[in-house]
Amino acid sequence: MSDDKNNSGTTVSVVGPGEGELIILGATRMRVLEDGSNTAHRLGLAESIIPPHTPGPPQHRHAQHDEGFYIISGTLRFTVGNTDYDVTAGTLVMVPPGTPHTFANITDRPAVMLSTFTP
């Protein structure tokens, strides 16, 4: 990861392949690309690789931030309240503050998603 000043004097953050903080959550590998420290905590960004047949976290809610999930590859099941959504590559799921949600990979193939956290 590198941080450089551009011509306007602001800091530019560049996170290359294999860089960023790696967090292991059971079988899921999450790579934090932006923890908010470069965006005044307006935006966080993480890439997750979810192996086949991997349950997600318990259903939970975030009081203060929207959470977005963009599916890069594979299929994931999002459970929002009592509703299930099976979503595939190219799909964006946006969960507003206070909304109970979780996700899981119920398929035989790995899935990759990009998550945003705002603010």
PDB file of N, CA and C in Angstrom:
ATOM      1  N   MET A   1       0.850  -1.162   0.000  1.00  0.00           N
ATOM      2  CA  MET A   1       0.000   0.000   0.000  1.00  0.00           C
ATOM      3  C   MET A   1       0.896   1.225   0.000  1.00  0.00           C
ATOM      4  N   SER A   2       0.513   2.234  -0.780  1.00  0.00           N
ATOM      5  CA  SER A   2       1.298   3.458  -0.775  1.00  0.00           C
ATOM      6  C   SER A   2       0.365   4.646  -0.644  1.00  0.00           C
ATOM      7  N   ASP A   3       0.860   5.666  -0.019  1.00  0.00           N
ATOM      8  CA  ASP A   3       0.149   6.926   0.123  1.00  0.00           C
ATOM      9  C   ASP A   3       1.061   8.013  -0.436  1.00  0.00           C
ATOM     10  N   ASP A   4       0.574   8.737  -1.419  1.00  0.00           N
ATOM     11  CA  ASP A   4       1.363   9.792  -2.041  1.00  0.00           C
ATOM     12  C   ASP A   4       0.529  11.051  -2.135  1.00  0.00           C
ATOM     13  N   LYS A   5       1.198  12.181  -2.056  1.00  0.00           N
ATOM     14  CA  LYS A   5       0.537  13.465  -2.261  1.00  0.00           C
ATOM     15  C   LYS A   5       0.429  13.723  -3.753  1.00  0.00           C
ATOM     16  N   ASN A   6      -0.747  14.155  -4.215  1.00  0.00           N
ATOM     17  CA  ASN A   6      -0.863  14.513  -5.624  1.00  0.00           C
ATOM     18  C   ASN A   6      -0.616  16.009  -5.777  1.00  0.00           C
ATOM     19  N   ASN A   7      -0.830  16.542  -6.961  1.00  0.00           N
ATOM     20  CA  ASN A   7      -0.529  17.952  -7.229  1.00  0.00           C
ATOM     21  C   ASN A   7      -1.346  18.909  -6.381  1.00  0.00           C
ATOM     22  N   SER A   8      -2.509  18.499  -5.913  1.00  0.00           N
ATOM     23  CA  SER A   8      -3.338  19.392  -5.101  1.00  0.00           C
ATOM     24  C   SER A   8      -2.994  19.291  -3.622  1.00  0.00           C
ATOM     25  N   GLY A   9      -2.024  18.413  -3.269  1.00  0.00           N
ATOM     26  CA  GLY A   9      -1.608  18.283  -1.881  1.00  0.00           C
ATOM     27  C   GLY A   9      -2.412  17.282  -1.080  1.00  0.00           C
ATOM     28  N   THR A  10      -3.398  16.633  -1.715  1.00  0.00           N
ATOM     29  CA  THR A  10      -4.166  15.622  -1.008  1.00  0.00           C
ATOM     30  C   THR A  10      -3.471  14.266  -1.133  1.00  0.00           C
ATOM     31  N   THR A  11      -3.772  13.368  -0.224  1.00  0.00           N
ATOM     32  CA  THR A  11      -3.138  12.058  -0.211  1.00  0.00           C
ATOM     33  C   THR A  11      -3.913  11.080  -1.079  1.00  0.00           C
ATOM     34  N   VAL A  12      -3.196  10.343  -1.893  1.00  0.00           N
ATOM     35  CA  VAL A  12      -3.771   9.304  -2.729  1.00  0.00           C
ATOM     36  C   VAL A  12      -3.322   7.961  -2.161  1.00  0.00           C
ATOM     37  N   SER A  13      -4.256   7.072  -1.938  1.00  0.00           N
ATOM     38  CA  SER A  13      -3.944   5.745  -1.416  1.00  0.00           C
ATOM     39  C   SER A  13      -4.055   4.739  -2.554  1.00  0.00           C
ATOM     40  N   VAL A  14      -3.028   3.916  -2.714  1.00  0.00           N
ATOM     41  CA  VAL A  14      -3.022   2.867  -3.727  1.00  0.00           C
ATOM     42  C   VAL A  14      -2.775   1.541  -3.021  1.00  0.00           C
ATOM     43  N   VAL A  15      -3.702   0.607  -3.153  1.00  0.00           N
ATOM     44  CA  VAL A  15      -3.585  -0.722  -2.542  1.00  0.00           C
ATOM     45  C   VAL A  15      -3.489  -1.725  -3.689  1.00  0.00           C
ATOM     46  N   GLY A  16      -2.337  -2.356  -3.812  1.00  0.00           N
ATOM     47  CA  GLY A  16      -2.121  -3.295  -4.902  1.00  0.00           C
ATOM     48  C   GLY A  16      -2.582  -4.701  -4.568  1.00  0.00           C
ATOM     49  N   PRO A  17      -2.520  -5.592  -5.574  1.00  0.00           N
ATOM     50  CA  PRO A  17      -2.865  -6.996  -5.331  1.00  0.00           C
ATOM     51  C   PRO A  17      -2.016  -7.562  -4.202  1.00  0.00           C
ATOM     52  N   GLY A  18      -2.652  -8.288  -3.307  1.00  0.00           N
ATOM     53  CA  GLY A  18      -1.936  -8.885  -2.180  1.00  0.00           C
ATOM     54  C   GLY A  18      -1.670  -7.924  -1.043  1.00  0.00           C
ATOM     55  N   GLU A  19      -2.037  -6.660  -1.193  1.00  0.00           N
ATOM     56  CA  GLU A  19      -1.845  -5.674  -0.126  1.00  0.00           C
ATOM     57  C   GLU A  19      -3.155  -5.463   0.618  1.00  0.00           C
ATOM     58  N   GLY A  20      -3.111  -4.695   1.675  1.00  0.00           N
ATOM     59  CA  GLY A  20      -4.268  -4.463   2.521  1.00  0.00           C
ATOM     60  C   GLY A  20      -4.228  -5.422   3.693  1.00  0.00           C
ATOM     61  N   GLU A  21      -5.036  -5.138   4.687  1.00  0.00           N
ATOM     62  CA  GLU A  21      -5.077  -5.986   5.881  1.00  0.00           C
ATOM     63  C   GLU A  21      -5.905  -7.233   5.608  1.00  0.00           C
ATOM     64  N   LEU A  22      -5.337  -8.405   5.847  1.00  0.00           N
ATOM     65  CA  LEU A  22      -6.049  -9.666   5.653  1.00  0.00           C
ATOM     66  C   LEU A  22      -6.669 -10.104   6.975  1.00  0.00           C
ATOM     67  N   ILE A  23      -7.973 -10.366   6.951  1.00  0.00           N
ATOM     68  CA  ILE A  23      -8.702 -10.827   8.127  1.00  0.00           C
ATOM     69  C   ILE A  23      -9.321 -12.177   7.773  1.00  0.00           C
ATOM     70  N   ILE A  24      -9.066 -13.176   8.594  1.00  0.00           N
ATOM     71  CA  ILE A  24      -9.643 -14.503   8.390  1.00  0.00           C
ATOM     72  C   ILE A  24     -10.858 -14.628   9.301  1.00  0.00           C
ATOM     73  N   LEU A  25     -12.016 -14.852   8.715  1.00  0.00           N
ATOM     74  CA  LEU A  25     -13.272 -14.981   9.450  1.00  0.00           C
ATOM     75  C   LEU A  25     -13.817 -16.381   9.183  1.00  0.00           C
ATOM     76  N   GLY A  26     -13.371 -17.356   9.978  1.00  0.00           N
ATOM     77  CA  GLY A  26     -13.712 -18.750   9.699  1.00  0.00           C
ATOM     78  C   GLY A  26     -13.035 -19.138   8.404  1.00  0.00           C
ATOM     79  N   ALA A  27     -13.822 -19.593   7.422  1.00  0.00           N
ATOM     80  CA  ALA A  27     -13.273 -19.971   6.121  1.00  0.00           C
ATOM     81  C   ALA A  27     -13.166 -18.777   5.170  1.00  0.00           C
ATOM     82  N   THR A  28     -13.792 -17.661   5.517  1.00  0.00           N
ATOM     83  CA  THR A  28     -13.809 -16.482   4.654  1.00  0.00           C
ATOM     84  C   THR A  28     -12.541 -15.661   4.830  1.00  0.00           C
ATOM     85  N   ARG A  29     -11.988 -15.230   3.701  1.00  0.00           N
ATOM     86  CA  ARG A  29     -10.806 -14.352   3.704  1.00  0.00           C
ATOM     87  C   ARG A  29     -11.248 -12.956   3.283  1.00  0.00           C
ATOM     88  N   MET A  30     -11.093 -11.993   4.187  1.00  0.00           N
ATOM     89  CA  MET A  30     -11.465 -10.614   3.889  1.00  0.00           C
ATOM     90  C   MET A  30     -10.194  -9.768   3.809  1.00  0.00           C
ATOM     91  N   ARG A  31     -10.068  -9.032   2.713  1.00  0.00           N
ATOM     92  CA  ARG A  31      -8.930  -8.126   2.540  1.00  0.00           C
ATOM     93  C   ARG A  31      -9.457  -6.702   2.624  1.00  0.00           C
ATOM     94  N   VAL A  32      -9.063  -5.985   3.670  1.00  0.00           N
ATOM     95  CA  VAL A  32      -9.509  -4.610   3.862  1.00  0.00           C
ATOM     96  C   VAL A  32      -8.686  -3.725   2.932  1.00  0.00           C
ATOM     97  N   LEU A  33      -9.372  -3.091   1.990  1.00  0.00           N
ATOM     98  CA  LEU A  33      -8.721  -2.224   1.018  1.00  0.00           C
ATOM     99  C   LEU A  33      -8.687  -0.774   1.494  1.00  0.00           C
ATOM    100  N   GLU A  34      -9.703  -0.394   2.244  1.00  0.00           N
ATOM    101  CA  GLU A  34      -9.779   0.958   2.820  1.00  0.00           C
ATOM    102  C   GLU A  34     -10.504   0.840   4.146  1.00  0.00           C
ATOM    103  N   ASP A  35      -9.812   1.179   5.222  1.00  0.00           N
ATOM    104  CA  ASP A  35     -10.420   1.083   6.562  1.00  0.00           C
ATOM    105  C   ASP A  35     -11.052   2.399   7.009  1.00  0.00           C
ATOM    106  N   GLY A  36     -11.079   3.365   6.125  1.00  0.00           N
ATOM    107  CA  GLY A  36     -11.655   4.671   6.444  1.00  0.00           C
ATOM    108  C   GLY A  36     -10.612   5.704   6.814  1.00  0.00           C
ATOM    109  N   SER A  37      -9.396   5.269   7.074  1.00  0.00           N
ATOM    110  CA  SER A  37      -8.366   6.227   7.512  1.00  0.00           C
ATOM    111  C   SER A  37      -7.964   7.199   6.406  1.00  0.00           C
ATOM    112  N   ASN A  38      -8.191   6.845   5.147  1.00  0.00           N
ATOM    113  CA  ASN A  38      -7.860   7.743   4.041  1.00  0.00           C
ATOM    114  C   ASN A  38      -9.062   8.526   3.535  1.00  0.00           C
ATOM    115  N   THR A  39     -10.239   8.268   4.102  1.00  0.00           N
ATOM    116  CA  THR A  39     -11.466   8.918   3.626  1.00  0.00           C
ATOM    117  C   THR A  39     -12.192   9.670   4.731  1.00  0.00           C
ATOM    118  N   ALA A  40     -11.486   9.995   5.803  1.00  0.00           N
ATOM    119  CA  ALA A  40     -12.109  10.632   6.967  1.00  0.00           C
ATOM    120  C   ALA A  40     -13.304   9.803   7.441  1.00  0.00           C
ATOM    121  N   HIS A  41     -13.200   8.493   7.292  1.00  0.00           N
ATOM    122  CA  HIS A  41     -14.212   7.516   7.706  1.00  0.00           C
ATOM    123  C   HIS A  41     -15.545   7.684   6.995  1.00  0.00           C
ATOM    124  N   ARG A  42     -15.504   8.253   5.780  1.00  0.00           N
ATOM    125  CA  ARG A  42     -16.714   8.345   4.968  1.00  0.00           C
ATOM    126  C   ARG A  42     -16.980   7.057   4.203  1.00  0.00           C
ATOM    127  N   LEU A  43     -15.903   6.261   3.969  1.00  0.00           N
ATOM    128  CA  LEU A  43     -16.035   5.052   3.166  1.00  0.00           C
ATOM    129  C   LEU A  43     -15.027   4.009   3.616  1.00  0.00           C
ATOM    130  N   GLY A  44     -15.482   2.782   3.759  1.00  0.00           N
ATOM    131  CA  GLY A  44     -14.618   1.628   3.956  1.00  0.00           C
ATOM    132  C   GLY A  44     -14.880   0.658   2.817  1.00  0.00           C
ATOM    133  N   LEU A  45     -13.869  -0.149   2.471  1.00  0.00           N
ATOM    134  CA  LEU A  45     -13.992  -1.044   1.334  1.00  0.00           C
ATOM    135  C   LEU A  45     -13.227  -2.335   1.621  1.00  0.00           C
ATOM    136  N   ALA A  46     -13.859  -3.485   1.348  1.00  0.00           N
ATOM    137  CA  ALA A  46     -13.208  -4.769   1.591  1.00  0.00           C
ATOM    138  C   ALA A  46     -13.590  -5.762   0.498  1.00  0.00           C
ATOM    139  N   GLU A  47     -12.641  -6.648   0.186  1.00  0.00           N
ATOM    140  CA  GLU A  47     -12.876  -7.743  -0.741  1.00  0.00           C
ATOM    141  C   GLU A  47     -12.949  -9.028   0.078  1.00  0.00           C
ATOM    142  N   SER A  48     -13.974  -9.847  -0.170  1.00  0.00           N
ATOM    143  CA  SER A  48     -14.117 -11.111   0.555  1.00  0.00           C
ATOM    144  C   SER A  48     -14.186 -12.269  -0.419  1.00  0.00           C
ATOM    145  N   ILE A  49     -13.480 -13.345  -0.063  1.00  0.00           N
ATOM    146  CA  ILE A  49     -13.551 -14.598  -0.811  1.00  0.00           C
ATOM    147  C   ILE A  49     -14.241 -15.608   0.098  1.00  0.00           C
ATOM    148  N   ILE A  50     -15.395 -16.101  -0.353  1.00  0.00           N
ATOM    149  CA  ILE A  50     -16.209 -16.989   0.463  1.00  0.00           C
ATOM    150  C   ILE A  50     -16.209 -18.372  -0.202  1.00  0.00           C
ATOM    151  N   PRO A  51     -15.598 -19.369   0.452  1.00  0.00           N
ATOM    152  CA  PRO A  51     -15.542 -20.715  -0.124  1.00  0.00           C
ATOM    153  C   PRO A  51     -16.932 -21.344  -0.240  1.00  0.00           C
ATOM    154  N   PRO A  52     -17.036 -22.424  -1.024  1.00  0.00           N
ATOM    155  CA  PRO A  52     -18.314 -23.127  -1.143  1.00  0.00           C
ATOM    156  C   PRO A  52     -18.833 -23.599   0.219  1.00  0.00           C
ATOM    157  N   HIS A  53     -20.138 -23.601   0.350  1.00  0.00           N
ATOM    158  CA  HIS A  53     -20.828 -24.123   1.541  1.00  0.00           C
ATOM    159  C   HIS A  53     -20.348 -23.447   2.827  1.00  0.00           C
ATOM    160  N   THR A  54     -20.174 -22.135   2.764  1.00  0.00           N
ATOM    161  CA  THR A  54     -19.724 -21.371   3.927  1.00  0.00           C
ATOM    162  C   THR A  54     -20.872 -20.530   4.469  1.00  0.00           C
ATOM    163  N   PRO A  55     -21.256 -20.774   5.713  1.00  0.00           N
ATOM    164  CA  PRO A  55     -22.275 -19.907   6.319  1.00  0.00           C
ATOM    165  C   PRO A  55     -21.655 -18.543   6.608  1.00  0.00           C
ATOM    166  N   GLY A  56     -22.459 -17.540   6.577  1.00  0.00           N
ATOM    167  CA  GLY A  56     -21.964 -16.200   6.878  1.00  0.00           C
ATOM    168  C   GLY A  56     -22.093 -15.891   8.353  1.00  0.00           C
ATOM    169  N   PRO A  57     -21.960 -14.619   8.668  1.00  0.00           N
ATOM    170  CA  PRO A  57     -22.096 -14.213  10.063  1.00  0.00           C
ATOM    171  C   PRO A  57     -23.551 -14.354  10.516  1.00  0.00           C
ATOM    172  N   PRO A  58     -23.779 -14.380  11.824  1.00  0.00           N
ATOM    173  CA  PRO A  58     -25.172 -14.349  12.292  1.00  0.00           C
ATOM    174  C   PRO A  58     -25.864 -13.099  11.749  1.00  0.00           C
ATOM    175  N   GLN A  59     -27.165 -13.183  11.570  1.00  0.00           N
ATOM    176  CA  GLN A  59     -27.892 -12.007  11.098  1.00  0.00           C
ATOM    177  C   GLN A  59     -27.635 -10.868  12.084  1.00  0.00           C
ATOM    178  N   HIS A  60     -27.316  -9.700  11.531  1.00  0.00           N
ATOM    179  CA  HIS A  60     -26.934  -8.554  12.356  1.00  0.00           C
ATOM    180  C   HIS A  60     -27.392  -7.268  11.680  1.00  0.00           C
ATOM    181  N   ARG A  61     -27.244  -6.165  12.385  1.00  0.00           N
ATOM    182  CA  ARG A  61     -27.601  -4.846  11.833  1.00  0.00           C
ATOM    183  C   ARG A  61     -26.552  -3.843  12.242  1.00  0.00           C
ATOM    184  N   HIS A  62     -26.422  -2.797  11.449  1.00  0.00           N
ATOM    185  CA  HIS A  62     -25.499  -1.701  11.741  1.00  0.00           C
ATOM    186  C   HIS A  62     -26.327  -0.443  11.967  1.00  0.00           C
ATOM    187  N   ALA A  63     -26.153   0.170  13.107  1.00  0.00           N
ATOM    188  CA  ALA A  63     -26.970   1.329  13.463  1.00  0.00           C
ATOM    189  C   ALA A  63     -26.607   2.572  12.662  1.00  0.00           C
ATOM    190  N   GLN A  64     -25.340   2.714  12.284  1.00  0.00           N
ATOM    191  CA  GLN A  64     -24.866   3.983  11.748  1.00  0.00           C
ATOM    192  C   GLN A  64     -24.527   3.985  10.261  1.00  0.00           C
ATOM    193  N   HIS A  65     -24.333   2.828   9.630  1.00  0.00           N
ATOM    194  CA  HIS A  65     -23.852   2.906   8.248  1.00  0.00           C
ATOM    195  C   HIS A  65     -24.595   1.987   7.279  1.00  0.00           C
ATOM    196  N   ASP A  66     -24.595   2.453   6.033  1.00  0.00           N
ATOM    197  CA  ASP A  66     -25.072   1.637   4.922  1.00  0.00           C
ATOM    198  C   ASP A  66     -23.975   0.637   4.591  1.00  0.00           C
ATOM    199  N   GLU A  67     -24.387  -0.538   4.143  1.00  0.00           N
ATOM    200  CA  GLU A  67     -23.417  -1.543   3.722  1.00  0.00           C
ATOM    201  C   GLU A  67     -23.819  -1.998   2.321  1.00  0.00           C
ATOM    202  N   GLY A  68     -22.844  -1.972   1.415  1.00  0.00           N
ATOM    203  CA  GLY A  68     -23.088  -2.403   0.042  1.00  0.00           C
ATOM    204  C   GLY A  68     -22.269  -3.642  -0.265  1.00  0.00           C
ATOM    205  N   PHE A  69     -22.820  -4.526  -1.083  1.00  0.00           N
ATOM    206  CA  PHE A  69     -22.141  -5.760  -1.471  1.00  0.00           C
ATOM    207  C   PHE A  69     -22.255  -5.899  -2.985  1.00  0.00           C
ATOM    208  N   TYR A  70     -21.123  -5.891  -3.670  1.00  0.00           N
ATOM    209  CA  TYR A  70     -21.104  -6.089  -5.116  1.00  0.00           C
ATOM    210  C   TYR A  70     -20.496  -7.462  -5.382  1.00  0.00           C
ATOM    211  N   ILE A  71     -21.237  -8.324  -6.043  1.00  0.00           N
ATOM    212  CA  ILE A  71     -20.787  -9.688  -6.282  1.00  0.00           C
ATOM    213  C   ILE A  71     -19.911  -9.703  -7.535  1.00  0.00           C
ATOM    214  N   ILE A  72     -18.652 -10.069  -7.344  1.00  0.00           N
ATOM    215  CA  ILE A  72     -17.692 -10.116  -8.453  1.00  0.00           C
ATOM    216  C   ILE A  72     -17.775 -11.458  -9.173  1.00  0.00           C
ATOM    217  N   SER A  73     -17.873 -12.547  -8.416  1.00  0.00           N
ATOM    218  CA  SER A  73     -18.008 -13.873  -9.023  1.00  0.00           C
ATOM    219  C   SER A  73     -18.752 -14.798  -8.073  1.00  0.00           C
ATOM    220  N   GLY A  74     -19.387 -15.812  -8.652  1.00  0.00           N
ATOM    221  CA  GLY A  74     -20.111 -16.777  -7.839  1.00  0.00           C
ATOM    222  C   GLY A  74     -21.529 -16.332  -7.535  1.00  0.00           C
ATOM    223  N   THR A  75     -22.119 -17.041  -6.578  1.00  0.00           N
ATOM    224  CA  THR A  75     -23.491 -16.782  -6.132  1.00  0.00           C
ATOM    225  C   THR A  75     -23.510 -16.765  -4.611  1.00  0.00           C
ATOM    226  N   LEU A  76     -24.200 -15.801  -4.038  1.00  0.00           N
ATOM    227  CA  LEU A  76     -24.361 -15.723  -2.590  1.00  0.00           C
ATOM    228  C   LEU A  76     -25.841 -15.613  -2.257  1.00  0.00           C
ATOM    229  N   ARG A  77     -26.214 -16.124  -1.104  1.00  0.00           N
ATOM    230  CA  ARG A  77     -27.570 -15.953  -0.596  1.00  0.00           C
ATOM    231  C   ARG A  77     -27.530 -14.892   0.499  1.00  0.00           C
ATOM    232  N   PHE A  78     -28.253 -13.800   0.277  1.00  0.00           N
ATOM    233  CA  PHE A  78     -28.415 -12.762   1.282  1.00  0.00           C
ATOM    234  C   PHE A  78     -29.754 -12.986   1.952  1.00  0.00           C
ATOM    235  N   THR A  79     -29.746 -12.956   3.268  1.00  0.00           N
ATOM    236  CA  THR A  79     -30.982 -13.015   4.033  1.00  0.00           C
ATOM    237  C   THR A  79     -31.137 -11.663   4.703  1.00  0.00           C
ATOM    238  N   VAL A  80     -32.228 -10.992   4.364  1.00  0.00           N
ATOM    239  CA  VAL A  80     -32.527  -9.664   4.904  1.00  0.00           C
ATOM    240  C   VAL A  80     -33.862  -9.797   5.619  1.00  0.00           C
ATOM    241  N   GLY A  81     -33.798  -9.748   6.951  1.00  0.00           N
ATOM    242  CA  GLY A  81     -35.002 -10.052   7.724  1.00  0.00           C
ATOM    243  C   GLY A  81     -35.379 -11.497   7.483  1.00  0.00           C
ATOM    244  N   ASN A  82     -36.579 -11.732   6.936  1.00  0.00           N
ATOM    245  CA  ASN A  82     -37.039 -13.091   6.633  1.00  0.00           C
ATOM    246  C   ASN A  82     -37.001 -13.419   5.144  1.00  0.00           C
ATOM    247  N   THR A  83     -36.389 -12.543   4.341  1.00  0.00           N
ATOM    248  CA  THR A  83     -36.383 -12.712   2.889  1.00  0.00           C
ATOM    249  C   THR A  83     -35.006 -13.126   2.395  1.00  0.00           C
ATOM    250  N   ASP A  84     -34.964 -14.175   1.564  1.00  0.00           N
ATOM    251  CA  ASP A  84     -33.719 -14.632   0.949  1.00  0.00           C
ATOM    252  C   ASP A  84     -33.613 -14.093  -0.468  1.00  0.00           C
ATOM    253  N   TYR A  85     -32.405 -13.695  -0.849  1.00  0.00           N
ATOM    254  CA  TYR A  85     -32.093 -13.258  -2.201  1.00  0.00           C
ATOM    255  C   TYR A  85     -30.867 -14.036  -2.659  1.00  0.00           C
ATOM    256  N   ASP A  86     -30.989 -14.841  -3.712  1.00  0.00           N
ATOM    257  CA  ASP A  86     -29.830 -15.498  -4.305  1.00  0.00           C
ATOM    258  C   ASP A  86     -29.322 -14.583  -5.407  1.00  0.00           C
ATOM    259  N   VAL A  87     -28.095 -14.085  -5.236  1.00  0.00           N
ATOM    260  CA  VAL A  87     -27.573 -13.074  -6.150  1.00  0.00           C
ATOM    261  C   VAL A  87     -26.291 -13.578  -6.804  1.00  0.00           C
ATOM    262  N   THR A  88     -26.097 -13.174  -8.049  1.00  0.00           N
ATOM    263  CA  THR A  88     -24.978 -13.645  -8.854  1.00  0.00           C
ATOM    264  C   THR A  88     -24.060 -12.487  -9.221  1.00  0.00           C
ATOM    265  N   ALA A  89     -22.971 -12.823  -9.897  1.00  0.00           N
ATOM    266  CA  ALA A  89     -21.978 -11.831 -10.319  1.00  0.00           C
ATOM    267  C   ALA A  89     -22.643 -10.683 -11.068  1.00  0.00           C
ATOM    268  N   GLY A  90     -22.214  -9.471 -10.734  1.00  0.00           N
ATOM    269  CA  GLY A  90     -22.770  -8.276 -11.349  1.00  0.00           C
ATOM    270  C   GLY A  90     -23.909  -7.664 -10.569  1.00  0.00           C
ATOM    271  N   THR A  91     -24.292  -8.274  -9.437  1.00  0.00           N
ATOM    272  CA  THR A  91     -25.400  -7.783  -8.618  1.00  0.00           C
ATOM    273  C   THR A  91     -24.874  -6.936  -7.469  1.00  0.00           C
ATOM    274  N   LEU A  92     -25.574  -5.855  -7.176  1.00  0.00           N
ATOM    275  CA  LEU A  92     -25.283  -4.998  -6.023  1.00  0.00           C
ATOM    276  C   LEU A  92     -26.421  -5.133  -5.023  1.00  0.00           C
ATOM    277  N   VAL A  93     -26.072  -5.379  -3.768  1.00  0.00           N
ATOM    278  CA  VAL A  93     -27.045  -5.427  -2.672  1.00  0.00           C
ATOM    279  C   VAL A  93     -26.695  -4.282  -1.729  1.00  0.00           C
ATOM    280  N   MET A  94     -27.633  -3.386  -1.474  1.00  0.00           N
ATOM    281  CA  MET A  94     -27.432  -2.275  -0.536  1.00  0.00           C
ATOM    282  C   MET A  94     -28.325  -2.493   0.671  1.00  0.00           C
ATOM    283  N   VAL A  95     -27.720  -2.460   1.859  1.00  0.00           N
ATOM    284  CA  VAL A  95     -28.453  -2.674   3.103  1.00  0.00           C
ATOM    285  C   VAL A  95     -28.384  -1.385   3.922  1.00  0.00           C
ATOM    286  N   PRO A  96     -29.526  -0.747   4.176  1.00  0.00           N
ATOM    287  CA  PRO A  96     -29.525   0.502   4.936  1.00  0.00           C
ATOM    288  C   PRO A  96     -29.298   0.268   6.429  1.00  0.00           C
ATOM    289  N   PRO A  97     -28.945   1.328   7.152  1.00  0.00           N
ATOM    290  CA  PRO A  97     -28.743   1.199   8.596  1.00  0.00           C
ATOM    291  C   PRO A  97     -29.974   0.608   9.289  1.00  0.00           C
ATOM    292  N   GLY A  98     -29.711  -0.227  10.301  1.00  0.00           N
ATOM    293  CA  GLY A  98     -30.787  -0.795  11.100  1.00  0.00           C
ATOM    294  C   GLY A  98     -31.456  -2.020  10.519  1.00  0.00           C
ATOM    295  N   THR A  99     -31.063  -2.443   9.316  1.00  0.00           N
ATOM    296  CA  THR A  99     -31.711  -3.570   8.652  1.00  0.00           C
ATOM    297  C   THR A  99     -30.976  -4.869   8.968  1.00  0.00           C
ATOM    298  N   PRO A 100     -31.649  -5.875   9.535  1.00  0.00           N
ATOM    299  CA  PRO A 100     -30.985  -7.145   9.845  1.00  0.00           C
ATOM    300  C   PRO A 100     -30.645  -7.884   8.549  1.00  0.00           C
ATOM    301  N   HIS A 101     -29.408  -8.411   8.488  1.00  0.00           N
ATOM    302  CA  HIS A 101     -28.964  -9.084   7.267  1.00  0.00           C
ATOM    303  C   HIS A 101     -27.825 -10.059   7.553  1.00  0.00           C
ATOM    304  N   THR A 102     -27.625 -10.983   6.625  1.00  0.00           N
ATOM    305  CA  THR A 102     -26.482 -11.884   6.609  1.00  0.00           C
ATOM    306  C   THR A 102     -26.334 -12.399   5.188  1.00  0.00           C
ATOM    307  N   PHE A 103     -25.283 -13.171   4.946  1.00  0.00           N
ATOM    308  CA  PHE A 103     -25.065 -13.771   3.634  1.00  0.00           C
ATOM    309  C   PHE A 103     -24.361 -15.108   3.840  1.00  0.00           C
ATOM    310  N   ALA A 104     -24.455 -15.974   2.836  1.00  0.00           N
ATOM    311  CA  ALA A 104     -23.800 -17.283   2.882  1.00  0.00           C
ATOM    312  C   ALA A 104     -23.551 -17.751   1.456  1.00  0.00           C
ATOM    313  N   ASN A 105     -22.563 -18.609   1.302  1.00  0.00           N
ATOM    314  CA  ASN A 105     -22.335 -19.259   0.019  1.00  0.00           C
ATOM    315  C   ASN A 105     -22.876 -20.681   0.146  1.00  0.00           C
ATOM    316  N   ILE A 106     -24.011 -20.936  -0.475  1.00  0.00           N
ATOM    317  CA  ILE A 106     -24.644 -22.252  -0.381  1.00  0.00           C
ATOM    318  C   ILE A 106     -24.333 -23.113  -1.603  1.00  0.00           C
ATOM    319  N   THR A 107     -23.440 -22.640  -2.472  1.00  0.00           N
ATOM    320  CA  THR A 107     -23.146 -23.328  -3.725  1.00  0.00           C
ATOM    321  C   THR A 107     -21.866 -24.166  -3.626  1.00  0.00           C
ATOM    322  N   ASP A 108     -21.544 -24.834  -4.728  1.00  0.00           N
ATOM    323  CA  ASP A 108     -20.336 -25.659  -4.825  1.00  0.00           C
ATOM    324  C   ASP A 108     -19.133 -24.891  -5.360  1.00  0.00           C
ATOM    325  N   ARG A 109     -19.283 -23.591  -5.572  1.00  0.00           N
ATOM    326  CA  ARG A 109     -18.196 -22.779  -6.132  1.00  0.00           C
ATOM    327  C   ARG A 109     -17.894 -21.602  -5.205  1.00  0.00           C
ATOM    328  N   PRO A 110     -16.636 -21.134  -5.193  1.00  0.00           N
ATOM    329  CA  PRO A 110     -16.316 -19.967  -4.368  1.00  0.00           C
ATOM    330  C   PRO A 110     -17.014 -18.713  -4.902  1.00  0.00           C
ATOM    331  N   ALA A 111     -17.166 -17.738  -4.043  1.00  0.00           N
ATOM    332  CA  ALA A 111     -17.742 -16.448  -4.427  1.00  0.00           C
ATOM    333  C   ALA A 111     -16.803 -15.345  -3.957  1.00  0.00           C
ATOM    334  N   VAL A 112     -16.782 -14.252  -4.711  1.00  0.00           N
ATOM    335  CA  VAL A 112     -15.973 -13.090  -4.356  1.00  0.00           C
ATOM    336  C   VAL A 112     -16.896 -11.878  -4.376  1.00  0.00           C
ATOM    337  N   MET A 113     -16.798 -11.062  -3.324  1.00  0.00           N
ATOM    338  CA  MET A 113     -17.613  -9.844  -3.293  1.00  0.00           C
ATOM    339  C   MET A 113     -16.789  -8.681  -2.765  1.00  0.00           C
ATOM    340  N   LEU A 114     -17.197  -7.504  -3.167  1.00  0.00           N
ATOM    341  CA  LEU A 114     -16.620  -6.253  -2.718  1.00  0.00           C
ATOM    342  C   LEU A 114     -17.660  -5.596  -1.828  1.00  0.00           C
ATOM    343  N   SER A 115     -17.247  -5.205  -0.611  1.00  0.00           N
ATOM    344  CA  SER A 115     -18.187  -4.589   0.336  1.00  0.00           C
ATOM    345  C   SER A 115     -17.792  -3.147   0.603  1.00  0.00           C
ATOM    346  N   THR A 116     -18.808  -2.298   0.701  1.00  0.00           N
ATOM    347  CA  THR A 116     -18.597  -0.901   1.087  1.00  0.00           C
ATOM    348  C   THR A 116     -19.284  -0.635   2.402  1.00  0.00           C
ATOM    349  N   PHE A 117     -18.709   0.270   3.169  1.00  0.00           N
ATOM    350  CA  PHE A 117     -19.255   0.671   4.459  1.00  0.00           C
ATOM    351  C   PHE A 117     -19.247   2.193   4.505  1.00  0.00           C
ATOM    352  N   THR A 118     -20.426   2.816   4.621  1.00  0.00           N
ATOM    353  CA  THR A 118     -20.490   4.271   4.656  1.00  0.00           C
ATOM    354  C   THR A 118     -21.442   4.724   5.756  1.00  0.00           C
ATOM    355  N   PRO A 119     -21.198   5.733   6.511  1.00  0.00           N
ATOM    356  CA  PRO A 119     -19.865   6.344   6.677  1.00  0.00           C
ATOM    357  C   PRO A 119     -18.990   5.471   7.533  1.00  0.00           C
TER     358      PRO A 119
END
